[in-house]
Amino acid sequence: MPQLNPTPWFAILIITWLVLITVVFSSVLMFTFPNDPSLLDTNPILAEPWNWPWF
């Protein structure tokens, strides 16, 4: 049964993974976020009570 011989399939597997890793990693590492994360404002938000007309 030739499919049990790992010699050609292992080489194909390794070459395929190397190609995919170089293509995927290079494209993922070049990805830039559309908006850079920045620190949030440290001032607390002052909440004002609502003026309910029925209360």
N, C-alpha and C. Protein backbone atom coordinates (compact mmCIF):
# COMPACT_ATOMS: atom_id res chain seq x y z
N MET A 1 0.84 -1.18 0.00
CA MET A 1 0.00 0.00 0.00
C MET A 1 0.89 1.24 0.00
N PRO A 2 0.91 1.98 -1.09
CA PRO A 2 1.84 3.11 -1.20
C PRO A 2 1.48 4.29 -0.30
N GLN A 3 0.23 4.40 0.14
CA GLN A 3 -0.13 5.54 0.97
C GLN A 3 0.47 5.45 2.36
N LEU A 4 0.98 4.28 2.75
CA LEU A 4 1.62 4.15 4.05
C LEU A 4 3.09 4.55 4.02
N ASN A 5 3.64 4.79 2.85
CA ASN A 5 5.02 5.24 2.74
C ASN A 5 5.07 6.74 3.04
N PRO A 6 5.65 7.15 4.18
CA PRO A 6 5.59 8.57 4.57
C PRO A 6 6.58 9.47 3.85
N THR A 7 7.47 8.92 3.06
CA THR A 7 8.53 9.74 2.48
C THR A 7 8.00 10.85 1.58
N PRO A 8 7.19 10.59 0.55
CA PRO A 8 6.75 11.74 -0.28
C PRO A 8 5.73 12.62 0.43
N TRP A 9 4.85 12.03 1.24
CA TRP A 9 3.78 12.80 1.86
C TRP A 9 4.29 13.69 2.98
N PHE A 10 5.30 13.23 3.68
CA PHE A 10 5.86 14.06 4.75
C PHE A 10 6.55 15.29 4.16
N ALA A 11 7.26 15.13 3.07
CA ALA A 11 7.90 16.27 2.42
C ALA A 11 6.86 17.26 1.90
N ILE A 12 5.79 16.74 1.31
CA ILE A 12 4.72 17.61 0.82
C ILE A 12 4.06 18.35 1.98
N LEU A 13 3.85 17.65 3.09
CA LEU A 13 3.25 18.27 4.27
C LEU A 13 4.13 19.39 4.80
N ILE A 14 5.41 19.14 4.93
CA ILE A 14 6.33 20.15 5.46
C ILE A 14 6.40 21.37 4.53
N ILE A 15 6.51 21.13 3.24
CA ILE A 15 6.60 22.24 2.28
C ILE A 15 5.30 23.05 2.28
N THR A 16 4.17 22.37 2.35
CA THR A 16 2.89 23.07 2.39
C THR A 16 2.78 23.94 3.63
N TRP A 17 3.14 23.40 4.78
CA TRP A 17 3.08 24.18 6.02
C TRP A 17 4.03 25.36 5.99
N LEU A 18 5.22 25.17 5.45
CA LEU A 18 6.16 26.29 5.37
C LEU A 18 5.64 27.40 4.47
N VAL A 19 5.03 27.04 3.36
CA VAL A 19 4.46 28.06 2.47
C VAL A 19 3.29 28.77 3.14
N LEU A 20 2.41 28.01 3.77
CA LEU A 20 1.25 28.63 4.43
C LEU A 20 1.69 29.52 5.59
N ILE A 21 2.67 29.07 6.35
CA ILE A 21 3.12 29.88 7.49
C ILE A 21 3.73 31.18 7.00
N THR A 22 4.53 31.14 5.95
CA THR A 22 5.14 32.39 5.48
C THR A 22 4.10 33.33 4.88
N VAL A 23 3.12 32.80 4.17
CA VAL A 23 2.10 33.66 3.56
C VAL A 23 1.16 34.21 4.62
N VAL A 24 0.66 33.36 5.50
CA VAL A 24 -0.32 33.79 6.50
C VAL A 24 0.34 34.70 7.53
N PHE A 25 1.49 34.33 8.03
CA PHE A 25 2.13 35.17 9.04
C PHE A 25 2.51 36.52 8.50
N SER A 26 2.99 36.57 7.27
CA SER A 26 3.35 37.88 6.72
C SER A 26 2.13 38.76 6.52
N SER A 27 1.02 38.17 6.11
CA SER A 27 -0.18 38.98 5.92
C SER A 27 -0.80 39.39 7.25
N VAL A 28 -0.72 38.53 8.25
CA VAL A 28 -1.28 38.87 9.56
C VAL A 28 -0.41 39.92 10.25
N LEU A 29 0.89 39.80 10.13
CA LEU A 29 1.76 40.78 10.78
C LEU A 29 1.69 42.14 10.12
N MET A 30 1.33 42.21 8.86
CA MET A 30 1.21 43.50 8.18
C MET A 30 -0.14 44.15 8.41
N PHE A 31 -1.05 43.47 9.09
CA PHE A 31 -2.39 44.01 9.36
C PHE A 31 -2.28 45.17 10.33
N THR A 32 -2.95 46.25 10.02
CA THR A 32 -2.99 47.39 10.92
C THR A 32 -4.43 47.63 11.34
N PHE A 33 -4.60 48.03 12.56
CA PHE A 33 -5.93 48.30 13.07
C PHE A 33 -6.44 49.61 12.49
N PRO A 34 -7.73 49.71 12.17
CA PRO A 34 -8.25 50.95 11.61
C PRO A 34 -8.22 52.11 12.61
N ASN A 35 -8.32 51.81 13.88
CA ASN A 35 -8.21 52.88 14.88
C ASN A 35 -7.28 52.36 15.98
N ASP A 36 -6.26 53.14 16.25
CA ASP A 36 -5.29 52.74 17.26
C ASP A 36 -5.92 52.84 18.64
N PRO A 37 -5.72 51.83 19.45
CA PRO A 37 -6.26 51.91 20.81
C PRO A 37 -5.52 52.99 21.60
N SER A 38 -6.26 53.77 22.29
CA SER A 38 -5.66 54.83 23.10
C SER A 38 -6.19 54.73 24.52
N LEU A 39 -5.52 55.39 25.41
CA LEU A 39 -5.96 55.37 26.80
C LEU A 39 -7.28 56.13 26.93
N LEU A 40 -8.13 55.60 27.78
CA LEU A 40 -9.40 56.27 28.03
C LEU A 40 -9.17 57.50 28.89
N ASP A 41 -10.11 58.41 28.81
CA ASP A 41 -10.02 59.61 29.62
C ASP A 41 -10.14 59.21 31.09
N THR A 42 -9.27 59.75 31.93
CA THR A 42 -9.26 59.37 33.34
C THR A 42 -10.25 60.18 34.17
N ASN A 43 -10.87 61.19 33.58
CA ASN A 43 -11.86 61.98 34.32
C ASN A 43 -13.14 61.17 34.47
N PRO A 44 -13.69 61.12 35.69
CA PRO A 44 -14.93 60.36 35.86
C PRO A 44 -16.10 61.09 35.20
N ILE A 45 -17.04 60.30 34.73
CA ILE A 45 -18.24 60.87 34.13
C ILE A 45 -19.23 61.18 35.25
N LEU A 46 -19.64 62.43 35.30
CA LEU A 46 -20.59 62.84 36.34
C LEU A 46 -22.01 62.61 35.84
N ALA A 47 -22.71 61.73 36.51
CA ALA A 47 -24.07 61.44 36.13
C ALA A 47 -25.03 62.39 36.84
N GLU A 48 -25.95 62.93 36.10
CA GLU A 48 -26.94 63.81 36.69
C GLU A 48 -28.26 63.06 36.79
N PRO A 49 -29.02 63.29 37.85
CA PRO A 49 -30.30 62.58 37.98
C PRO A 49 -31.30 63.06 36.92
N TRP A 50 -32.14 62.14 36.51
CA TRP A 50 -33.15 62.48 35.54
C TRP A 50 -34.30 63.22 36.22
N ASN A 51 -34.90 64.08 35.49
CA ASN A 51 -36.03 64.85 36.02
C ASN A 51 -37.31 64.18 35.56
N TRP A 52 -37.79 63.19 36.33
CA TRP A 52 -38.99 62.46 35.95
C TRP A 52 -40.23 63.29 36.26
N PRO A 53 -41.09 63.53 35.30
CA PRO A 53 -42.27 64.36 35.56
C PRO A 53 -43.33 63.64 36.39
N TRP A 54 -43.33 62.34 36.47
CA TRP A 54 -44.38 61.62 37.20
C TRP A 54 -43.94 61.18 38.57
N PHE A 55 -42.77 61.55 38.99
CA PHE A 55 -42.30 61.12 40.30
C PHE A 55 -42.33 62.26 41.28
